[in-house]
């Protein structure tokens, strides 16, 4: 069983930096944001594999993730 503390959510740029981040962190959930790891113009094909390798769960509203 996966423990909640072992799950990290990765917030895509399209969701912004504050409200979702703050809500998840207040709830004690591990969160990473795009701009702390990648350039603002990073292509999906560049950052998605790296995030996947870390086992992070991507939160996005981008329906064109490629």
N, C-alpha and C. Protein backbone atom coordinates (compact mmCIF):
# COMPACT_ATOMS: atom_id res chain seq x y z
N UNK A 1 0.84 -1.18 0.00
CA UNK A 1 0.00 0.00 0.00
C UNK A 1 0.88 1.25 0.00
N UNK A 2 0.55 2.21 -0.83
CA UNK A 2 1.31 3.45 -0.91
C UNK A 2 0.89 4.36 0.23
N UNK A 3 1.87 4.87 0.94
CA UNK A 3 1.61 5.81 2.01
C UNK A 3 1.47 7.21 1.43
N UNK A 4 0.51 8.02 1.91
CA UNK A 4 0.33 9.38 1.37
C UNK A 4 1.60 10.21 1.40
N UNK A 5 2.46 9.99 2.39
CA UNK A 5 3.69 10.76 2.49
C UNK A 5 4.66 10.43 1.36
N UNK A 6 4.50 9.27 0.72
CA UNK A 6 5.42 8.86 -0.34
C UNK A 6 4.97 9.34 -1.72
N UNK A 7 3.81 9.96 -1.79
CA UNK A 7 3.29 10.45 -3.07
C UNK A 7 3.69 11.92 -3.24
N UNK A 8 4.18 12.23 -4.43
CA UNK A 8 4.51 13.62 -4.76
C UNK A 8 3.71 14.02 -5.99
N UNK A 9 3.03 15.13 -5.88
CA UNK A 9 2.31 15.68 -7.02
C UNK A 9 3.18 16.74 -7.68
N UNK A 10 3.14 16.75 -9.01
CA UNK A 10 3.89 17.71 -9.81
C UNK A 10 2.89 18.62 -10.50
N UNK A 11 2.96 19.91 -10.21
CA UNK A 11 2.01 20.87 -10.76
C UNK A 11 2.57 21.49 -12.04
N UNK A 12 1.86 21.25 -13.14
CA UNK A 12 2.22 21.81 -14.44
C UNK A 12 2.03 23.33 -14.41
N UNK A 13 2.75 24.02 -15.26
CA UNK A 13 2.70 25.50 -15.32
C UNK A 13 1.29 26.04 -15.53
N UNK A 14 0.47 25.33 -16.28
CA UNK A 14 -0.86 25.83 -16.61
C UNK A 14 -1.77 25.95 -15.39
N UNK A 15 -1.40 25.34 -14.29
CA UNK A 15 -2.21 25.42 -13.07
C UNK A 15 -1.76 26.54 -12.14
N UNK A 16 -0.71 27.23 -12.53
CA UNK A 16 -0.24 28.33 -11.69
C UNK A 16 0.68 27.83 -10.59
N UNK A 17 0.96 28.72 -9.65
CA UNK A 17 1.93 28.38 -8.61
C UNK A 17 1.39 28.43 -7.19
N UNK A 18 0.26 29.08 -6.96
CA UNK A 18 -0.12 29.35 -5.59
C UNK A 18 -1.26 28.52 -5.03
N UNK A 19 -2.47 28.70 -5.50
CA UNK A 19 -3.63 28.15 -4.79
C UNK A 19 -3.57 26.63 -4.62
N UNK A 20 -3.36 25.89 -5.69
CA UNK A 20 -3.30 24.43 -5.58
C UNK A 20 -2.10 24.01 -4.75
N UNK A 21 -0.98 24.66 -4.99
CA UNK A 21 0.23 24.37 -4.23
C UNK A 21 -0.01 24.55 -2.74
N UNK A 22 -0.57 25.68 -2.37
CA UNK A 22 -0.82 25.98 -0.96
C UNK A 22 -1.79 24.99 -0.33
N UNK A 23 -2.87 24.68 -1.03
CA UNK A 23 -3.86 23.75 -0.50
C UNK A 23 -3.25 22.38 -0.24
N UNK A 24 -2.48 21.87 -1.20
CA UNK A 24 -1.86 20.55 -1.04
C UNK A 24 -0.83 20.55 0.07
N UNK A 25 -0.03 21.57 0.14
CA UNK A 25 1.00 21.63 1.19
C UNK A 25 0.39 21.74 2.58
N UNK A 26 -0.67 22.53 2.73
CA UNK A 26 -1.35 22.64 4.02
C UNK A 26 -1.90 21.28 4.44
N UNK A 27 -2.31 20.48 3.46
CA UNK A 27 -2.83 19.14 3.74
C UNK A 27 -1.71 18.14 4.02
N UNK A 28 -0.46 18.59 3.95
CA UNK A 28 0.68 17.72 4.23
C UNK A 28 1.11 16.86 3.06
N UNK A 29 0.71 17.26 1.87
CA UNK A 29 1.04 16.50 0.66
C UNK A 29 2.29 17.07 0.01
N UNK A 30 3.16 16.19 -0.42
CA UNK A 30 4.39 16.60 -1.10
C UNK A 30 4.06 17.11 -2.50
N UNK A 31 4.57 18.31 -2.81
CA UNK A 31 4.26 18.95 -4.09
C UNK A 31 5.54 19.56 -4.69
N UNK A 32 5.67 19.41 -5.99
CA UNK A 32 6.74 20.05 -6.75
C UNK A 32 6.09 20.88 -7.85
N UNK A 33 6.72 21.99 -8.20
CA UNK A 33 6.17 22.80 -9.29
C UNK A 33 7.15 22.85 -10.46
N UNK A 34 6.58 22.97 -11.63
CA UNK A 34 7.32 22.95 -12.89
C UNK A 34 8.54 23.89 -12.87
N UNK A 35 8.31 25.14 -12.51
CA UNK A 35 9.37 26.14 -12.63
C UNK A 35 10.55 25.92 -11.68
N UNK A 36 10.38 25.07 -10.68
CA UNK A 36 11.50 24.75 -9.79
C UNK A 36 12.43 23.70 -10.39
N UNK A 37 11.99 23.08 -11.50
CA UNK A 37 12.77 21.99 -12.09
C UNK A 37 13.10 22.17 -13.57
N UNK A 38 12.29 22.96 -14.27
CA UNK A 38 12.44 23.08 -15.71
C UNK A 38 12.29 24.53 -16.16
N UNK A 39 12.84 24.83 -17.33
CA UNK A 39 12.66 26.15 -17.93
C UNK A 39 11.19 26.36 -18.24
N UNK A 40 10.78 27.60 -18.26
CA UNK A 40 9.37 27.93 -18.54
C UNK A 40 8.93 27.42 -19.90
N UNK A 41 9.82 27.39 -20.86
CA UNK A 41 9.47 26.96 -22.20
C UNK A 41 9.74 25.49 -22.48
N UNK A 42 10.02 24.72 -21.44
CA UNK A 42 10.32 23.30 -21.64
C UNK A 42 9.16 22.59 -22.31
N UNK A 43 9.49 21.76 -23.27
CA UNK A 43 8.47 21.00 -23.99
C UNK A 43 8.02 19.80 -23.15
N UNK A 44 6.76 19.42 -23.34
CA UNK A 44 6.22 18.27 -22.61
C UNK A 44 7.10 17.03 -22.79
N UNK A 45 7.56 16.82 -24.01
CA UNK A 45 8.37 15.63 -24.29
C UNK A 45 9.70 15.64 -23.54
N UNK A 46 10.11 16.80 -23.05
CA UNK A 46 11.35 16.88 -22.29
C UNK A 46 11.13 16.66 -20.79
N UNK A 47 10.07 17.27 -20.23
CA UNK A 47 9.90 17.16 -18.79
C UNK A 47 9.07 15.97 -18.34
N UNK A 48 8.11 15.52 -19.16
CA UNK A 48 7.26 14.40 -18.76
C UNK A 48 8.06 13.13 -18.42
N UNK A 49 9.02 12.71 -19.25
CA UNK A 49 9.78 11.51 -18.89
C UNK A 49 10.55 11.65 -17.57
N UNK A 50 11.08 12.83 -17.33
CA UNK A 50 11.84 13.05 -16.09
C UNK A 50 10.93 13.00 -14.86
N UNK A 51 9.76 13.58 -14.98
CA UNK A 51 8.79 13.54 -13.89
C UNK A 51 8.33 12.10 -13.67
N UNK A 52 8.09 11.39 -14.76
CA UNK A 52 7.69 9.98 -14.66
C UNK A 52 8.75 9.12 -14.00
N UNK A 53 10.01 9.35 -14.31
CA UNK A 53 11.10 8.59 -13.70
C UNK A 53 11.12 8.77 -12.19
N UNK A 54 10.72 9.93 -11.72
CA UNK A 54 10.69 10.19 -10.28
C UNK A 54 9.44 9.62 -9.63
N UNK A 55 8.49 9.19 -10.45
CA UNK A 55 7.25 8.62 -9.93
C UNK A 55 6.26 9.66 -9.44
N UNK A 56 6.46 10.91 -9.86
CA UNK A 56 5.56 11.98 -9.46
C UNK A 56 4.27 11.91 -10.26
N UNK A 57 3.18 12.33 -9.65
CA UNK A 57 1.88 12.36 -10.31
C UNK A 57 1.65 13.76 -10.86
N UNK A 58 1.44 13.85 -12.16
CA UNK A 58 1.29 15.15 -12.83
C UNK A 58 -0.14 15.66 -12.69
N UNK A 59 -0.25 16.90 -12.24
CA UNK A 59 -1.54 17.61 -12.22
C UNK A 59 -1.48 18.67 -13.30
N UNK A 60 -2.41 18.62 -14.24
CA UNK A 60 -2.44 19.56 -15.34
C UNK A 60 -3.87 19.75 -15.82
N UNK A 61 -4.12 20.84 -16.48
CA UNK A 61 -5.41 21.02 -17.15
C UNK A 61 -5.19 21.12 -18.66
N UNK A 62 -3.95 20.91 -19.07
CA UNK A 62 -3.55 20.99 -20.47
C UNK A 62 -4.04 19.73 -21.20
N UNK A 63 -5.00 19.89 -22.11
CA UNK A 63 -5.50 18.73 -22.84
C UNK A 63 -4.68 18.44 -24.08
N UNK A 64 -3.56 19.15 -24.23
CA UNK A 64 -2.68 18.92 -25.39
C UNK A 64 -1.31 18.40 -24.95
N UNK A 65 -1.23 17.81 -23.77
CA UNK A 65 0.03 17.24 -23.30
C UNK A 65 0.45 16.18 -24.30
N UNK A 66 1.70 16.31 -24.75
CA UNK A 66 2.16 15.35 -25.77
C UNK A 66 3.35 14.56 -25.30
